[in-house]
PDB file of N, CA and C in Angstrom:
ATOM      1  N   MET A   1      94.282  99.667 113.302  1.00  0.00           N
ATOM      2  CA  MET A   1      93.874 100.854 112.585  1.00  0.00           C
ATOM      3  C   MET A   1      92.547 101.319 113.192  1.00  0.00           C
ATOM      4  N   ASN A   2      92.509 102.608 113.557  1.00  0.00           N
ATOM      5  CA  ASN A   2      91.271 103.107 114.150  1.00  0.00           C
ATOM      6  C   ASN A   2      90.227 103.376 113.060  1.00  0.00           C
ATOM      7  N   LEU A   3      89.013 103.635 113.487  1.00  0.00           N
ATOM      8  CA  LEU A   3      87.883 103.787 112.576  1.00  0.00           C
ATOM      9  C   LEU A   3      88.079 104.945 111.600  1.00  0.00           C
ATOM     10  N   LEU A   4      88.601 106.070 112.067  1.00  0.00           N
ATOM     11  CA  LEU A   4      88.825 107.224 111.199  1.00  0.00           C
ATOM     12  C   LEU A   4      89.873 106.903 110.131  1.00  0.00           C
ATOM     13  N   SER A   5      90.955 106.266 110.535  1.00  0.00           N
ATOM     14  CA  SER A   5      92.004 105.895 109.579  1.00  0.00           C
ATOM     15  C   SER A   5      91.473 104.920 108.535  1.00  0.00           C
ATOM     16  N   LYS A   6      90.662 103.984 108.988  1.00  0.00           N
ATOM     17  CA  LYS A   6      90.096 103.003 108.062  1.00  0.00           C
ATOM     18  C   LYS A   6      89.147 103.683 107.080  1.00  0.00           C
ATOM     19  N   ASP A   7      88.351 104.624 107.564  1.00  0.00           N
ATOM     20  CA  ASP A   7      87.429 105.348 106.697  1.00  0.00           C
ATOM     21  C   ASP A   7      88.195 106.180 105.663  1.00  0.00           C
ATOM     22  N   ILE A   8      89.245 106.838 106.098  1.00  0.00           N
ATOM     23  CA  ILE A   8      90.062 107.642 105.182  1.00  0.00           C
ATOM     24  C   ILE A   8      90.714 106.738 104.135  1.00  0.00           C
ATOM     25  N   SER A   9      91.262 105.622 104.572  1.00  0.00           N
ATOM     26  CA  SER A   9      91.883 104.685 103.632  1.00  0.00           C
ATOM     27  C   SER A   9      90.870 104.132 102.649  1.00  0.00           C
ATOM     28  N   SER A  10      89.658 103.851 103.101  1.00  0.00           N
ATOM     29  CA  SER A  10      88.606 103.365 102.206  1.00  0.00           C
ATOM     30  C   SER A  10      88.258 104.413 101.153  1.00  0.00           C
ATOM     31  N   GLN A  11      88.222 105.676 101.571  1.00  0.00           N
ATOM     32  CA  GLN A  11      87.962 106.751 100.618  1.00  0.00           C
ATOM     33  C   GLN A  11      89.117 106.891  99.632  1.00  0.00           C
ATOM     34  N   LEU A  12      90.332 106.728 100.121  1.00  0.00           N
ATOM     35  CA  LEU A  12      91.501 106.782  99.235  1.00  0.00           C
ATOM     36  C   LEU A  12      91.447 105.661  98.193  1.00  0.00           C
ATOM     37  N   ILE A  13      91.005 104.488  98.612  1.00  0.00           N
ATOM     38  CA  ILE A  13      90.874 103.371  97.677  1.00  0.00           C
ATOM     39  C   ILE A  13      89.965 103.770  96.519  1.00  0.00           C
ATOM     40  N   ARG A  14      88.831 104.367  96.838  1.00  0.00           N
ATOM     41  CA  ARG A  14      87.897 104.787  95.783  1.00  0.00           C
ATOM     42  C   ARG A  14      88.516 105.849  94.874  1.00  0.00           C
ATOM     43  N   VAL A  15      89.208 106.822  95.465  1.00  0.00           N
ATOM     44  CA  VAL A  15      89.837 107.891  94.674  1.00  0.00           C
ATOM     45  C   VAL A  15      90.933 107.318  93.785  1.00  0.00           C
ATOM     46  N   TYR A  16      91.800 106.475  94.365  1.00  0.00           N
ATOM     47  CA  TYR A  16      92.879 105.872  93.577  1.00  0.00           C
ATOM     48  C   TYR A  16      92.319 105.024  92.438  1.00  0.00           C
ATOM     49  N   GLU A  17      91.291 104.233  92.742  1.00  0.00           N
ATOM     50  CA  GLU A  17      90.721 103.373  91.715  1.00  0.00           C
ATOM     51  C   GLU A  17      90.121 104.202  90.578  1.00  0.00           C
ATOM     52  N   GLN A  18      89.378 105.248  90.918  1.00  0.00           N
ATOM     53  CA  GLN A  18      88.770 106.080  89.880  1.00  0.00           C
ATOM     54  C   GLN A  18      89.837 106.790  89.051  1.00  0.00           C
ATOM     55  N   THR A  19      90.877 107.277  89.704  1.00  0.00           N
ATOM     56  CA  THR A  19      91.974 107.933  88.988  1.00  0.00           C
ATOM     57  C   THR A  19      92.661 106.945  88.053  1.00  0.00           C
ATOM     58  N   ALA A  20      92.891 105.729  88.538  1.00  0.00           N
ATOM     59  CA  ALA A  20      93.503 104.681  87.703  1.00  0.00           C
ATOM     60  C   ALA A  20      92.618 104.379  86.498  1.00  0.00           C
ATOM     61  N   LEU A  21      91.313 104.276  86.711  1.00  0.00           N
ATOM     62  CA  LEU A  21      90.386 104.015  85.612  1.00  0.00           C
ATOM     63  C   LEU A  21      90.410 105.145  84.582  1.00  0.00           C
ATOM     64  N   ASP A  22      90.460 106.386  85.065  1.00  0.00           N
ATOM     65  CA  ASP A  22      90.507 107.530  84.154  1.00  0.00           C
ATOM     66  C   ASP A  22      91.769 107.495  83.293  1.00  0.00           C
ATOM     67  N   PHE A  23      92.910 107.213  83.917  1.00  0.00           N
ATOM     68  CA  PHE A  23      94.152 107.114  83.151  1.00  0.00           C
ATOM     69  C   PHE A  23      94.098 105.929  82.181  1.00  0.00           C
ATOM     70  N   GLU A  24      93.500 104.839  82.617  1.00  0.00           N
ATOM     71  CA  GLU A  24      93.382 103.671  81.746  1.00  0.00           C
ATOM     72  C   GLU A  24      92.543 103.991  80.517  1.00  0.00           C
ATOM     73  N   LYS A  25      91.435 104.693  80.711  1.00  0.00           N
ATOM     74  CA  LYS A  25      90.562 105.068  79.592  1.00  0.00           C
ATOM     75  C   LYS A  25      91.279 105.963  78.593  1.00  0.00           C
ATOM     76  N   SER A  26      92.173 106.808  79.090  1.00  0.00           N
ATOM     77  CA  SER A  26      92.921 107.688  78.187  1.00  0.00           C
ATOM     78  C   SER A  26      94.217 107.035  77.703  1.00  0.00           C
ATOM     79  N   GLU A  27      94.348 105.737  77.967  1.00  0.00           N
ATOM     80  CA  GLU A  27      95.484 104.923  77.538  1.00  0.00           C
ATOM     81  C   GLU A  27      96.823 105.418  78.088  1.00  0.00           C
ATOM     82  N   GLU A  28      96.772 106.016  79.267  1.00  0.00           N
ATOM     83  CA  GLU A  28      97.981 106.405  79.986  1.00  0.00           C
ATOM     84  C   GLU A  28      98.253 105.296  81.003  1.00  0.00           C
ATOM     85  N   TYR A  29      98.739 104.171  80.484  1.00  0.00           N
ATOM     86  CA  TYR A  29      98.832 102.947  81.270  1.00  0.00           C
ATOM     87  C   TYR A  29      99.825 103.033  82.422  1.00  0.00           C
ATOM     88  N   GLU A  30     100.943 103.715  82.222  1.00  0.00           N
ATOM     89  CA  GLU A  30     101.928 103.823  83.308  1.00  0.00           C
ATOM     90  C   GLU A  30     101.333 104.569  84.500  1.00  0.00           C
ATOM     91  N   LYS A  31     100.611 105.644  84.233  1.00  0.00           N
ATOM     92  CA  LYS A  31      99.973 106.398  85.319  1.00  0.00           C
ATOM     93  C   LYS A  31      98.853 105.581  85.955  1.00  0.00           C
ATOM     94  N   SER A  32      98.137 104.838  85.123  1.00  0.00           N
ATOM     95  CA  SER A  32      97.081 103.980  85.653  1.00  0.00           C
ATOM     96  C   SER A  32      97.669 102.954  86.615  1.00  0.00           C
ATOM     97  N   LEU A  33      98.770 102.330  86.214  1.00  0.00           N
ATOM     98  CA  LEU A  33      99.433 101.347  87.080  1.00  0.00           C
ATOM     99  C   LEU A  33      99.904 101.982  88.383  1.00  0.00           C
ATOM    100  N   GLU A  34     100.391 103.204  88.289  1.00  0.00           N
ATOM    101  CA  GLU A  34     100.850 103.920  89.492  1.00  0.00           C
ATOM    102  C   GLU A  34      99.700 104.063  90.497  1.00  0.00           C
ATOM    103  N   TYR A  35      98.511 104.413  89.996  1.00  0.00           N
ATOM    104  CA  TYR A  35      97.375 104.597  90.902  1.00  0.00           C
ATOM    105  C   TYR A  35      96.774 103.281  91.370  1.00  0.00           C
ATOM    106  N   TYR A  36      96.825 102.250  90.534  1.00  0.00           N
ATOM    107  CA  TYR A  36      96.395 100.937  91.017  1.00  0.00           C
ATOM    108  C   TYR A  36      97.338 100.437  92.107  1.00  0.00           C
ATOM    109  N   ASP A  37      98.627 100.757  91.977  1.00  0.00           N
ATOM    110  CA  ASP A  37      99.588 100.367  93.007  1.00  0.00           C
ATOM    111  C   ASP A  37      99.286 101.087  94.321  1.00  0.00           C
ATOM    112  N   LYS A  38      98.929 102.353  94.237  1.00  0.00           N
ATOM    113  CA  LYS A  38      98.543 103.103  95.440  1.00  0.00           C
ATOM    114  C   LYS A  38      97.263 102.517  96.035  1.00  0.00           C
ATOM    115  N   CYS A  39      96.338 102.162  95.171  1.00  0.00           N
ATOM    116  CA  CYS A  39      95.090 101.547  95.611  1.00  0.00           C
ATOM    117  C   CYS A  39      95.381 100.227  96.321  1.00  0.00           C
ATOM    118  N   LEU A  40      96.289  99.457  95.755  1.00  0.00           N
ATOM    119  CA  LEU A  40      96.683  98.179  96.333  1.00  0.00           C
ATOM    120  C   LEU A  40      97.270  98.364  97.733  1.00  0.00           C
ATOM    121  N   ASP A  41      98.131  99.356  97.901  1.00  0.00           N
ATOM    122  CA  ASP A  41      98.715  99.637  99.222  1.00  0.00           C
ATOM    123  C   ASP A  41      97.624 100.000 100.235  1.00  0.00           C
ATOM    124  N   ALA A  42      96.680 100.828  99.809  1.00  0.00           N
ATOM    125  CA  ALA A  42      95.580 101.214 100.703  1.00  0.00           C
ATOM    126  C   ALA A  42      94.716 100.007 101.059  1.00  0.00           C
ATOM    127  N   CYS A  43      94.504  99.114 100.094  1.00  0.00           N
ATOM    128  CA  CYS A  43      93.727  97.896 100.350  1.00  0.00           C
ATOM    129  C   CYS A  43      94.406  97.037 101.414  1.00  0.00           C
ATOM    130  N   LYS A  44      95.713  96.916 101.299  1.00  0.00           N
ATOM    131  CA  LYS A  44      96.460  96.109 102.267  1.00  0.00           C
ATOM    132  C   LYS A  44      96.401  96.733 103.660  1.00  0.00           C
ATOM    133  N   ARG A  45      96.434  98.065 103.719  1.00  0.00           N
ATOM    134  CA  ARG A  45      96.351  98.740 105.023  1.00  0.00           C
ATOM    135  C   ARG A  45      94.995  98.519 105.689  1.00  0.00           C
ATOM    136  N   THR A  46      93.933  98.504 104.886  1.00  0.00           N
ATOM    137  CA  THR A  46      92.589  98.358 105.456  1.00  0.00           C
ATOM    138  C   THR A  46      92.140  96.915 105.552  1.00  0.00           C
ATOM    139  N   GLY A  47      92.868  96.013 104.880  1.00  0.00           N
ATOM    140  CA  GLY A  47      92.452  94.617 104.884  1.00  0.00           C
ATOM    141  C   GLY A  47      91.317  94.333 103.907  1.00  0.00           C
ATOM    142  N   ASP A  48      91.152  95.198 102.904  1.00  0.00           N
ATOM    143  CA  ASP A  48      90.096  95.018 101.905  1.00  0.00           C
ATOM    144  C   ASP A  48      90.589  94.035 100.844  1.00  0.00           C
ATOM    145  N   GLU A  49      90.406  92.757 101.125  1.00  0.00           N
ATOM    146  CA  GLU A  49      90.943  91.709 100.257  1.00  0.00           C
ATOM    147  C   GLU A  49      90.200  91.605  98.936  1.00  0.00           C
ATOM    148  N   GLU A  50      88.923  91.913  98.921  1.00  0.00           N
ATOM    149  CA  GLU A  50      88.150  91.888  97.664  1.00  0.00           C
ATOM    150  C   GLU A  50      88.691  92.938  96.697  1.00  0.00           C
ATOM    151  N   GLN A  51      88.887  94.143  97.206  1.00  0.00           N
ATOM    152  CA  GLN A  51      89.404  95.224  96.356  1.00  0.00           C
ATOM    153  C   GLN A  51      90.853  94.946  95.960  1.00  0.00           C
ATOM    154  N   GLU A  52      91.606  94.328  96.851  1.00  0.00           N
ATOM    155  CA  GLU A  52      92.988  93.949  96.544  1.00  0.00           C
ATOM    156  C   GLU A  52      93.009  93.001  95.339  1.00  0.00           C
ATOM    157  N   ALA A  53      92.123  92.018  95.340  1.00  0.00           N
ATOM    158  CA  ALA A  53      92.035  91.082  94.213  1.00  0.00           C
ATOM    159  C   ALA A  53      91.691  91.832  92.931  1.00  0.00           C
ATOM    160  N   LYS A  54      90.789  92.786  93.033  1.00  0.00           N
ATOM    161  CA  LYS A  54      90.393  93.571  91.862  1.00  0.00           C
ATOM    162  C   LYS A  54      91.581  94.363  91.308  1.00  0.00           C
ATOM    163  N   CYS A  55      92.399  94.906  92.185  1.00  0.00           N
ATOM    164  CA  CYS A  55      93.593  95.645  91.742  1.00  0.00           C
ATOM    165  C   CYS A  55      94.551  94.726  90.997  1.00  0.00           C
ATOM    166  N   TYR A  56      94.782  93.536  91.540  1.00  0.00           N
ATOM    167  CA  TYR A  56      95.659  92.577  90.854  1.00  0.00           C
ATOM    168  C   TYR A  56      95.118  92.261  89.462  1.00  0.00           C
ATOM    169  N   TYR A  57      93.826  92.049  89.386  1.00  0.00           N
ATOM    170  CA  TYR A  57      93.167  91.758  88.109  1.00  0.00           C
ATOM    171  C   TYR A  57      93.399  92.884  87.104  1.00  0.00           C
ATOM    172  N   LYS A  58      93.073  94.105  87.511  1.00  0.00           N
ATOM    173  CA  LYS A  58      93.205  95.253  86.611  1.00  0.00           C
ATOM    174  C   LYS A  58      94.660  95.471  86.201  1.00  0.00           C
ATOM    175  N   MET A  59      95.579  95.332  87.137  1.00  0.00           N
ATOM    176  CA  MET A  59      96.996  95.527  86.818  1.00  0.00           C
ATOM    177  C   MET A  59      97.473  94.452  85.832  1.00  0.00           C
ATOM    178  N   GLY A  60      97.020  93.233  86.010  1.00  0.00           N
ATOM    179  CA  GLY A  60      97.382  92.171  85.079  1.00  0.00           C
ATOM    180  C   GLY A  60      96.921  92.483  83.665  1.00  0.00           C
ATOM    181  N   LEU A  61      95.707  92.993  83.539  1.00  0.00           N
ATOM    182  CA  LEU A  61      95.183  93.329  82.216  1.00  0.00           C
ATOM    183  C   LEU A  61      95.932  94.503  81.592  1.00  0.00           C
ATOM    184  N   ILE A  62      96.310  95.464  82.409  1.00  0.00           N
ATOM    185  CA  ILE A  62      97.058  96.611  81.873  1.00  0.00           C
ATOM    186  C   ILE A  62      98.440  96.177  81.418  1.00  0.00           C
ATOM    187  N   PHE A  63      99.106  95.339  82.205  1.00  0.00           N
ATOM    188  CA  PHE A  63     100.420  94.852  81.773  1.00  0.00           C
ATOM    189  C   PHE A  63     100.305  94.108  80.443  1.00  0.00           C
ATOM    190  N   GLU A  64      99.205  93.418  80.241  1.00  0.00           N
ATOM    191  CA  GLU A  64      98.992  92.770  78.945  1.00  0.00           C
ATOM    192  C   GLU A  64      98.874  93.831  77.846  1.00  0.00           C
ATOM    193  N   GLN A  65      98.155  94.900  78.125  1.00  0.00           N
ATOM    194  CA  GLN A  65      97.988  95.978  77.144  1.00  0.00           C
ATOM    195  C   GLN A  65      99.323  96.577  76.702  1.00  0.00           C
ATOM    196  N   ILE A  66     100.264  96.654  77.641  1.00  0.00           N
ATOM    197  CA  ILE A  66     101.564  97.242  77.287  1.00  0.00           C
ATOM    198  C   ILE A  66     102.581  96.159  76.919  1.00  0.00           C
ATOM    199  N   ASN A  67     102.068  94.960  76.667  1.00  0.00           N
ATOM    200  CA  ASN A  67     102.876  93.828  76.194  1.00  0.00           C
ATOM    201  C   ASN A  67     103.974  93.401  77.160  1.00  0.00           C
ATOM    202  N   ASP A  68     103.688  93.491  78.437  1.00  0.00           N
ATOM    203  CA  ASP A  68     104.600  92.951  79.451  1.00  0.00           C
ATOM    204  C   ASP A  68     103.925  91.699  80.016  1.00  0.00           C
ATOM    205  N   MET A  69     104.042  90.616  79.259  1.00  0.00           N
ATOM    206  CA  MET A  69     103.319  89.398  79.605  1.00  0.00           C
ATOM    207  C   MET A  69     103.819  88.775  80.906  1.00  0.00           C
ATOM    208  N   ASP A  70     105.105  88.921  81.219  1.00  0.00           N
ATOM    209  CA  ASP A  70     105.610  88.364  82.476  1.00  0.00           C
ATOM    210  C   ASP A  70     104.912  89.014  83.666  1.00  0.00           C
ATOM    211  N   LYS A  71     104.781  90.338  83.642  1.00  0.00           N
ATOM    212  CA  LYS A  71     104.103  91.017  84.745  1.00  0.00           C
ATOM    213  C   LYS A  71     102.600  90.765  84.706  1.00  0.00           C
ATOM    214  N   ALA A  72     102.040  90.645  83.509  1.00  0.00           N
ATOM    215  CA  ALA A  72     100.611  90.322  83.409  1.00  0.00           C
ATOM    216  C   ALA A  72     100.342  88.994  84.108  1.00  0.00           C
ATOM    217  N   ILE A  73     101.177  88.010  83.821  1.00  0.00           N
ATOM    218  CA  ILE A  73     101.020  86.691  84.440  1.00  0.00           C
ATOM    219  C   ILE A  73     101.261  86.771  85.947  1.00  0.00           C
ATOM    220  N   LEU A  74     102.253  87.535  86.360  1.00  0.00           N
ATOM    221  CA  LEU A  74     102.542  87.701  87.786  1.00  0.00           C
ATOM    222  C   LEU A  74     101.320  88.241  88.531  1.00  0.00           C
ATOM    223  N   TYR A  75     100.708  89.309  88.007  1.00  0.00           N
ATOM    224  CA  TYR A  75      99.569  89.918  88.694  1.00  0.00           C
ATOM    225  C   TYR A  75      98.311  89.064  88.588  1.00  0.00           C
ATOM    226  N   LEU A  76      98.144  88.376  87.483  1.00  0.00           N
ATOM    227  CA  LEU A  76      96.986  87.480  87.376  1.00  0.00           C
ATOM    228  C   LEU A  76      97.147  86.278  88.291  1.00  0.00           C
ATOM    229  N   ASN A  77      98.386  85.850  88.524  1.00  0.00           N
ATOM    230  CA  ASN A  77      98.618  84.800  89.526  1.00  0.00           C
ATOM    231  C   ASN A  77      98.250  85.299  90.920  1.00  0.00           C
ATOM    232  N   LYS A  78      98.585  86.550  91.212  1.00  0.00           N
ATOM    233  CA  LYS A  78      98.208  87.133  92.511  1.00  0.00           C
ATOM    234  C   LYS A  78      96.688  87.218  92.627  1.00  0.00           C
ATOM    235  N   TYR A  79      96.040  87.552  91.517  1.00  0.00           N
ATOM    236  CA  TYR A  79      94.572  87.587  91.478  1.00  0.00           C
ATOM    237  C   TYR A  79      94.004  86.194  91.768  1.00  0.00           C
ATOM    238  N   LEU A  80      94.607  85.185  91.158  1.00  0.00           N
ATOM    239  CA  LEU A  80      94.190  83.805  91.406  1.00  0.00           C
ATOM    240  C   LEU A  80      94.369  83.442  92.876  1.00  0.00           C
ATOM    241  N   GLN A  81      95.546  83.722  93.428  1.00  0.00           N
ATOM    242  CA  GLN A  81      95.822  83.376  94.823  1.00  0.00           C
ATOM    243  C   GLN A  81      94.849  84.071  95.782  1.00  0.00           C
ATOM    244  N   GLN A  82      94.594  85.350  95.522  1.00  0.00           N
ATOM    245  CA  GLN A  82      93.671  86.105  96.381  1.00  0.00           C
ATOM    246  C   GLN A  82      92.257  85.551  96.253  1.00  0.00           C
ATOM    247  N   SER A  83      91.863  85.205  95.043  1.00  0.00           N
ATOM    248  CA  SER A  83      90.524  84.652  94.821  1.00  0.00           C
ATOM    249  C   SER A  83      90.366  83.296  95.500  1.00  0.00           C
ATOM    250  N   LEU A  84      91.422  82.475  95.449  1.00  0.00           N
ATOM    251  CA  LEU A  84      91.395  81.191  96.151  1.00  0.00           C
ATOM    252  C   LEU A  84      91.255  81.407  97.659  1.00  0.00           C
ATOM    253  N   ALA A  85      92.020  82.360  98.198  1.00  0.00           N
ATOM    254  CA  ALA A  85      91.979  82.642  99.634  1.00  0.00           C
ATOM    255  C   ALA A  85      90.591  83.116 100.076  1.00  0.00           C
ATOM    256  N   LEU A  86      89.906  83.819  99.176  1.00  0.00           N
ATOM    257  CA  LEU A  86      88.570  84.345  99.496  1.00  0.00           C
ATOM    258  C   LEU A  86      87.450  83.358  99.148  1.00  0.00           C
ATOM    259  N   ASN A  87      87.831  82.181  98.618  1.00  0.00           N
ATOM    260  CA  ASN A  87      86.842  81.193  98.176  1.00  0.00           C
ATOM    261  C   ASN A  87      85.849  81.778  97.179  1.00  0.00           C
ATOM    262  N   ASN A  88      86.347  82.688  96.323  1.00  0.00           N
ATOM    263  CA  ASN A  88      85.512  83.284  95.291  1.00  0.00           C
ATOM    264  C   ASN A  88      85.746  82.480  94.008  1.00  0.00           C
ATOM    265  N   PHE A  89      84.944  81.441  93.837  1.00  0.00           N
ATOM    266  CA  PHE A  89      85.189  80.484  92.765  1.00  0.00           C
ATOM    267  C   PHE A  89      84.875  81.037  91.386  1.00  0.00           C
ATOM    268  N   GLU A  90      84.025  82.035  91.316  1.00  0.00           N
ATOM    269  CA  GLU A  90      83.789  82.696  90.023  1.00  0.00           C
ATOM    270  C   GLU A  90      85.075  83.393  89.570  1.00  0.00           C
ATOM    271  N   ARG A  91      85.711  84.104  90.493  1.00  0.00           N
ATOM    272  CA  ARG A  91      86.975  84.768  90.166  1.00  0.00           C
ATOM    273  C   ARG A  91      88.094  83.758  89.923  1.00  0.00           C
ATOM    274  N   VAL A  92      88.094  82.649  90.655  1.00  0.00           N
ATOM    275  CA  VAL A  92      89.107  81.604  90.449  1.00  0.00           C
ATOM    276  C   VAL A  92      89.011  81.084  89.021  1.00  0.00           C
ATOM    277  N   SER A  93      87.804  80.816  88.583  1.00  0.00           N
ATOM    278  CA  SER A  93      87.578  80.333  87.229  1.00  0.00           C
ATOM    279  C   SER A  93      88.056  81.358  86.205  1.00  0.00           C
ATOM    280  N   GLU A  94      87.707  82.603  86.437  1.00  0.00           N
ATOM    281  CA  GLU A  94      88.127  83.685  85.542  1.00  0.00           C
ATOM    282  C   GLU A  94      89.653  83.793  85.507  1.00  0.00           C
ATOM    283  N   ALA A  95      90.286  83.697  86.666  1.00  0.00           N
ATOM    284  CA  ALA A  95      91.747  83.807  86.740  1.00  0.00           C
ATOM    285  C   ALA A  95      92.421  82.681  85.965  1.00  0.00           C
ATOM    286  N   TYR A  96      91.924  81.461  86.113  1.00  0.00           N
ATOM    287  CA  TYR A  96      92.490  80.339  85.354  1.00  0.00           C
ATOM    288  C   TYR A  96      92.358  80.576  83.847  1.00  0.00           C
ATOM    289  N   GLN A  97      91.204  81.056  83.433  1.00  0.00           N
ATOM    290  CA  GLN A  97      90.978  81.311  82.012  1.00  0.00           C
ATOM    291  C   GLN A  97      91.927  82.396  81.498  1.00  0.00           C
ATOM    292  N   LEU A  98      92.066  83.473  82.253  1.00  0.00           N
ATOM    293  CA  LEU A  98      92.970  84.558  81.853  1.00  0.00           C
ATOM    294  C   LEU A  98      94.415  84.081  81.790  1.00  0.00           C
ATOM    295  N   LEU A  99      94.824  83.302  82.772  1.00  0.00           N
ATOM    296  CA  LEU A  99      96.194  82.797  82.776  1.00  0.00           C
ATOM    297  C   LEU A  99      96.436  81.840  81.616  1.00  0.00           C
ATOM    298  N   ALA A 100      95.466  80.981  81.331  1.00  0.00           N
ATOM    299  CA  ALA A 100      95.610  80.070  80.193  1.00  0.00           C
ATOM    300  C   ALA A 100      95.764  80.866  78.901  1.00  0.00           C
ATOM    301  N   ASP A 101      94.991  81.926  78.768  1.00  0.00           N
ATOM    302  CA  ASP A 101      95.076  82.782  77.581  1.00  0.00           C
ATOM    303  C   ASP A 101      96.457  83.428  77.458  1.00  0.00           C
ATOM    304  N   LYS A 102      96.984  83.909  78.581  1.00  0.00           N
ATOM    305  CA  LYS A 102      98.307  84.566  78.546  1.00  0.00           C
ATOM    306  C   LYS A 102      99.405  83.552  78.235  1.00  0.00           C
ATOM    307  N   TYR A 103      99.335  82.390  78.852  1.00  0.00           N
ATOM    308  CA  TYR A 103     100.337  81.356  78.569  1.00  0.00           C
ATOM    309  C   TYR A 103     100.259  80.927  77.103  1.00  0.00           C
ATOM    310  N   LYS A 104      99.063  80.859  76.574  1.00  0.00           N
ATOM    311  CA  LYS A 104      98.903  80.496  75.163  1.00  0.00           C
ATOM    312  C   LYS A 104      99.543  81.563  74.272  1.00  0.00           C
ATOM    313  N   LYS A 105      99.341  82.831  74.620  1.00  0.00           N
ATOM    314  CA  LYS A 105      99.903  83.932  73.833  1.00  0.00           C
ATOM    315  C   LYS A 105     101.431  83.886  73.770  1.00  0.00           C
ATOM    316  N   ILE A 106     102.042  83.427  74.843  1.00  0.00           N
ATOM    317  CA  ILE A 106     103.514  83.384  74.850  1.00  0.00           C
ATOM    318  C   ILE A 106     104.042  82.006  74.492  1.00  0.00           C
ATOM    319  N   GLY A 107     103.143  81.105  74.096  1.00  0.00           N
ATOM    320  CA  GLY A 107     103.556  79.778  73.651  1.00  0.00           C
ATOM    321  C   GLY A 107     103.993  78.848  74.762  1.00  0.00           C
ATOM    322  N   LYS A 108     103.460  79.046  75.958  1.00  0.00           N
ATOM    323  CA  LYS A 108     103.839  78.204  77.100  1.00  0.00           C
ATOM    324  C   LYS A 108     102.603  77.670  77.813  1.00  0.00           C
ATOM    325  N   LEU A 109     101.654  77.186  77.036  1.00  0.00           N
ATOM    326  CA  LEU A 109     100.418  76.682  77.622  1.00  0.00           C
ATOM    327  C   LEU A 109     100.657  75.557  78.626  1.00  0.00           C
ATOM    328  N   GLN A 110     101.736  74.798  78.450  1.00  0.00           N
ATOM    329  CA  GLN A 110     102.039  73.705  79.379  1.00  0.00           C
ATOM    330  C   GLN A 110     102.283  74.229  80.800  1.00  0.00           C
ATOM    331  N   ARG A 111     102.616  75.517  80.951  1.00  0.00           N
ATOM    332  CA  ARG A 111     102.871  76.104  82.277  1.00  0.00           C
ATOM    333  C   ARG A 111     101.613  76.151  83.133  1.00  0.00           C
ATOM    334  N   ILE A 112     100.449  76.056  82.507  1.00  0.00           N
ATOM    335  CA  ILE A 112      99.191  76.093  83.252  1.00  0.00           C
ATOM    336  C   ILE A 112      99.127  74.939  84.256  1.00  0.00           C
ATOM    337  N   LYS A 113      99.836  73.850  83.975  1.00  0.00           N
ATOM    338  CA  LYS A 113      99.859  72.698  84.899  1.00  0.00           C
ATOM    339  C   LYS A 113     100.495  73.057  86.235  1.00  0.00           C
ATOM    340  N   GLU A 114     101.311  74.096  86.256  1.00  0.00           N
ATOM    341  CA  GLU A 114     102.014  74.494  87.477  1.00  0.00           C
ATOM    342  C   GLU A 114     101.123  75.287  88.427  1.00  0.00           C
ATOM    343  N   LEU A 115      99.970  75.722  87.961  1.00  0.00           N
ATOM    344  CA  LEU A 115      99.086  76.527  88.795  1.00  0.00           C
ATOM    345  C   LEU A 115      98.393  75.654  89.836  1.00  0.00           C
ATOM    346  N   PRO A 116      98.019  76.273  90.972  1.00  0.00           N
ATOM    347  CA  PRO A 116      97.331  75.504  92.024  1.00  0.00           C
ATOM    348  C   PRO A 116      95.987  74.975  91.578  1.00  0.00           C
TER     349      PRO A 116
END
């Protein structure tokens, strides 16, 4: 990816993230998820792994808001995996706590043993 493409993609990440946040604030969760997904794609194109982890985190929380616990857990697991890959132990700790909370909510706390 050339420098101009990377700069444009980085700007798109900011626009997508802000748009997703705006929809989230107005409780338009489906639209928010749509823009976080676009943000995630742009992150992958630019290799912005920190922002990618943030997208997984936000998407996991939104799926919880709309009571889709399976997808919430899926995205929080991705957040955990990305945080582990980045050696961001603060985020790793947060991800474990969030996952434990979600597993507890669905009555499957024993599943936490399956996590890395």
